[in-house]
Amino acid sequence: MPKSHELGQPEMPQEVELFLSLHALNSAFSRIVTVLGLLSTTRILTPQSVQTTTASLEALRTALNFELREALGQGKLDNLDQFSKTLRRMEHELIEECMDPLYHLDITTPNA
């Protein structure tokens, strides 16, 4: 099946596209677990609900990782791990850069 892409954009290699998809999936799991913890600490969700949901998500993540390990093999998993580490570092740097001006913003003064 041919992929559609914008004119002037180089086509992404299939392995990079796969790695991006897997990284996004893993990041989504991590962020959901983080948000569930936050909702629990603010007492919006009960700790029991958070524990149950987190356990279900972790079981799903473990099952997916097991299937990936079998399908990709150790070499590609090592490449995926390095790829994800690099992307996480870049994401954290971007978030810090975007959040820095917000930390210095005076939110008590309304905009004119």
C-alpha atoms as a PDB file:
ATOM      1  CA  MET A   1       0.000   0.000   0.000  1.00  0.00           C
ATOM      2  CA  PRO A   2       1.566   3.301  -1.039  1.00  0.00           C
ATOM      3  CA  LYS A   3       1.925   5.909   1.656  1.00  0.00           C
ATOM      4  CA  SER A   4       0.746   9.447   1.142  1.00  0.00           C
ATOM      5  CA  HIS A   5       3.070  12.222   2.136  1.00  0.00           C
ATOM      6  CA  GLU A   6       3.291  15.917   1.530  1.00  0.00           C
ATOM      7  CA  LEU A   7       5.177  17.212  -1.467  1.00  0.00           C
ATOM      8  CA  GLY A   8       8.704  18.179  -0.595  1.00  0.00           C
ATOM      9  CA  GLN A   9       8.766  15.895   2.446  1.00  0.00           C
ATOM     10  CA  PRO A  10      11.146  12.951   2.173  1.00  0.00           C
ATOM     11  CA  GLU A  11       9.531   9.576   2.744  1.00  0.00           C
ATOM     12  CA  MET A  12      10.298   8.220   6.205  1.00  0.00           C
ATOM     13  CA  PRO A  13      12.072   4.856   6.299  1.00  0.00           C
ATOM     14  CA  GLN A  14       9.752   2.092   7.476  1.00  0.00           C
ATOM     15  CA  GLU A  15      11.967   1.212  10.452  1.00  0.00           C
ATOM     16  CA  VAL A  16      11.972   4.822  11.700  1.00  0.00           C
ATOM     17  CA  GLU A  17       8.203   4.981  11.284  1.00  0.00           C
ATOM     18  CA  LEU A  18       7.848   1.768  13.294  1.00  0.00           C
ATOM     19  CA  PHE A  19      10.184   3.068  16.007  1.00  0.00           C
ATOM     20  CA  LEU A  20       8.244   6.360  16.208  1.00  0.00           C
ATOM     21  CA  SER A  21       4.978   4.471  16.578  1.00  0.00           C
ATOM     22  CA  LEU A  22       6.350   2.190  19.288  1.00  0.00           C
ATOM     23  CA  HIS A  23       7.946   5.090  21.133  1.00  0.00           C
ATOM     24  CA  ALA A  24       4.664   7.017  21.036  1.00  0.00           C
ATOM     25  CA  LEU A  25       2.786   4.002  22.387  1.00  0.00           C
ATOM     26  CA  ASN A  26       5.251   3.518  25.240  1.00  0.00           C
ATOM     27  CA  SER A  27       5.218   7.248  26.051  1.00  0.00           C
ATOM     28  CA  ALA A  28       1.425   7.208  26.127  1.00  0.00           C
ATOM     29  CA  PHE A  29       1.444   4.366  28.674  1.00  0.00           C
ATOM     30  CA  SER A  30       3.908   6.268  30.856  1.00  0.00           C
ATOM     31  CA  ARG A  31       1.959   9.520  30.666  1.00  0.00           C
ATOM     32  CA  ILE A  32      -1.348   7.833  31.484  1.00  0.00           C
ATOM     33  CA  VAL A  33       0.178   6.197  34.565  1.00  0.00           C
ATOM     34  CA  THR A  34       1.650   9.573  35.620  1.00  0.00           C
ATOM     35  CA  VAL A  35      -1.696  11.352  35.209  1.00  0.00           C
ATOM     36  CA  LEU A  36      -3.516   8.611  37.118  1.00  0.00           C
ATOM     37  CA  GLY A  37      -1.085   9.128  39.997  1.00  0.00           C
ATOM     38  CA  LEU A  38      -1.686  12.878  39.879  1.00  0.00           C
ATOM     39  CA  LEU A  39      -5.459  12.383  39.917  1.00  0.00           C
ATOM     40  CA  SER A  40      -5.060  10.080  42.897  1.00  0.00           C
ATOM     41  CA  THR A  41      -2.976  12.591  44.875  1.00  0.00           C
ATOM     42  CA  THR A  42      -5.560  15.305  44.215  1.00  0.00           C
ATOM     43  CA  ARG A  43      -8.241  12.871  45.418  1.00  0.00           C
ATOM     44  CA  ILE A  44     -10.161  12.980  42.154  1.00  0.00           C
ATOM     45  CA  LEU A  45      -9.654   9.226  41.775  1.00  0.00           C
ATOM     46  CA  THR A  46      -9.446   6.712  44.578  1.00  0.00           C
ATOM     47  CA  PRO A  47      -6.087   5.020  45.151  1.00  0.00           C
ATOM     48  CA  GLN A  48      -7.746   1.640  44.575  1.00  0.00           C
ATOM     49  CA  SER A  49      -9.070   2.750  41.192  1.00  0.00           C
ATOM     50  CA  VAL A  50      -5.648   4.052  40.201  1.00  0.00           C
ATOM     51  CA  GLN A  51      -3.941   0.829  41.332  1.00  0.00           C
ATOM     52  CA  THR A  52      -6.377  -1.331  39.364  1.00  0.00           C
ATOM     53  CA  THR A  53      -6.128   0.768  36.218  1.00  0.00           C
ATOM     54  CA  THR A  54      -2.333   1.011  36.475  1.00  0.00           C
ATOM     55  CA  ALA A  55      -2.033  -2.756  36.915  1.00  0.00           C
ATOM     56  CA  SER A  56      -4.173  -3.292  33.795  1.00  0.00           C
ATOM     57  CA  LEU A  57      -2.074  -0.848  31.773  1.00  0.00           C
ATOM     58  CA  GLU A  58       1.180  -2.423  32.965  1.00  0.00           C
ATOM     59  CA  ALA A  59      -0.126  -5.907  32.064  1.00  0.00           C
ATOM     60  CA  LEU A  60      -1.005  -4.662  28.580  1.00  0.00           C
ATOM     61  CA  ARG A  61       2.409  -2.983  28.223  1.00  0.00           C
ATOM     62  CA  THR A  62       4.167  -6.194  29.321  1.00  0.00           C
ATOM     63  CA  ALA A  63       2.178  -8.292  26.827  1.00  0.00           C
ATOM     64  CA  LEU A  64       2.965  -5.863  23.989  1.00  0.00           C
ATOM     65  CA  ASN A  65       6.663  -5.780  24.910  1.00  0.00           C
ATOM     66  CA  PHE A  66       6.765  -9.577  24.923  1.00  0.00           C
ATOM     67  CA  GLU A  67       5.236  -9.715  21.446  1.00  0.00           C
ATOM     68  CA  LEU A  68       7.615  -7.010  20.205  1.00  0.00           C
ATOM     69  CA  ARG A  69      10.612  -8.888  21.595  1.00  0.00           C
ATOM     70  CA  GLU A  70       9.574 -11.986  19.650  1.00  0.00           C
ATOM     71  CA  ALA A  71       8.698 -10.102  16.452  1.00  0.00           C
ATOM     72  CA  LEU A  72      11.648  -7.693  16.281  1.00  0.00           C
ATOM     73  CA  GLY A  73      14.478  -9.637  17.823  1.00  0.00           C
ATOM     74  CA  GLN A  74      17.017  -8.334  20.324  1.00  0.00           C
ATOM     75  CA  GLY A  75      19.074  -6.263  17.852  1.00  0.00           C
ATOM     76  CA  LYS A  76      16.145  -4.132  16.727  1.00  0.00           C
ATOM     77  CA  LEU A  77      14.897  -3.845  20.309  1.00  0.00           C
ATOM     78  CA  ASP A  78      18.286  -2.432  21.310  1.00  0.00           C
ATOM     79  CA  ASN A  79      18.023   0.056  18.425  1.00  0.00           C
ATOM     80  CA  LEU A  80      14.475   0.950  19.516  1.00  0.00           C
ATOM     81  CA  ASP A  81      15.653   1.451  23.100  1.00  0.00           C
ATOM     82  CA  GLN A  82      18.417   3.829  21.990  1.00  0.00           C
ATOM     83  CA  PHE A  83      16.004   5.632  19.654  1.00  0.00           C
ATOM     84  CA  SER A  84      13.498   6.067  22.514  1.00  0.00           C
ATOM     85  CA  LYS A  85      16.158   7.332  24.912  1.00  0.00           C
ATOM     86  CA  THR A  86      17.211   9.955  22.380  1.00  0.00           C
ATOM     87  CA  LEU A  87      13.609  11.040  21.741  1.00  0.00           C
ATOM     88  CA  ARG A  88      12.818  11.209  25.483  1.00  0.00           C
ATOM     89  CA  ARG A  89      15.871  13.406  26.039  1.00  0.00           C
ATOM     90  CA  MET A  90      14.766  15.686  23.197  1.00  0.00           C
ATOM     91  CA  GLU A  91      11.185  15.788  24.525  1.00  0.00           C
ATOM     92  CA  HIS A  92      12.373  16.745  28.016  1.00  0.00           C
ATOM     93  CA  GLU A  93      14.629  19.473  26.632  1.00  0.00           C
ATOM     94  CA  LEU A  94      11.771  20.878  24.535  1.00  0.00           C
ATOM     95  CA  ILE A  95       9.340  20.788  27.460  1.00  0.00           C
ATOM     96  CA  GLU A  96      11.854  22.526  29.728  1.00  0.00           C
ATOM     97  CA  GLU A  97      12.481  25.166  27.069  1.00  0.00           C
ATOM     98  CA  CYS A  98       8.738  25.778  26.630  1.00  0.00           C
ATOM     99  CA  MET A  99       8.009  25.795  30.362  1.00  0.00           C
ATOM    100  CA  ASP A 100      10.849  28.151  31.334  1.00  0.00           C
ATOM    101  CA  PRO A 101       9.038  31.340  30.216  1.00  0.00           C
ATOM    102  CA  LEU A 102       5.916  30.159  32.069  1.00  0.00           C
ATOM    103  CA  TYR A 103       7.827  29.889  35.337  1.00  0.00           C
ATOM    104  CA  HIS A 104       8.782  33.558  35.054  1.00  0.00           C
ATOM    105  CA  LEU A 105       5.329  34.700  33.927  1.00  0.00           C
ATOM    106  CA  ASP A 106       3.458  36.923  36.370  1.00  0.00           C
ATOM    107  CA  ILE A 107       0.009  35.350  36.338  1.00  0.00           C
ATOM    108  CA  THR A 108      -1.368  37.800  38.891  1.00  0.00           C
ATOM    109  CA  THR A 109      -1.294  40.669  36.410  1.00  0.00           C
ATOM    110  CA  PRO A 110      -4.082  40.503  33.786  1.00  0.00           C
ATOM    111  CA  ASN A 111      -3.098  41.113  30.182  1.00  0.00           C
ATOM    112  CA  ALA A 112      -3.901  44.593  28.918  1.00  0.00           C
END
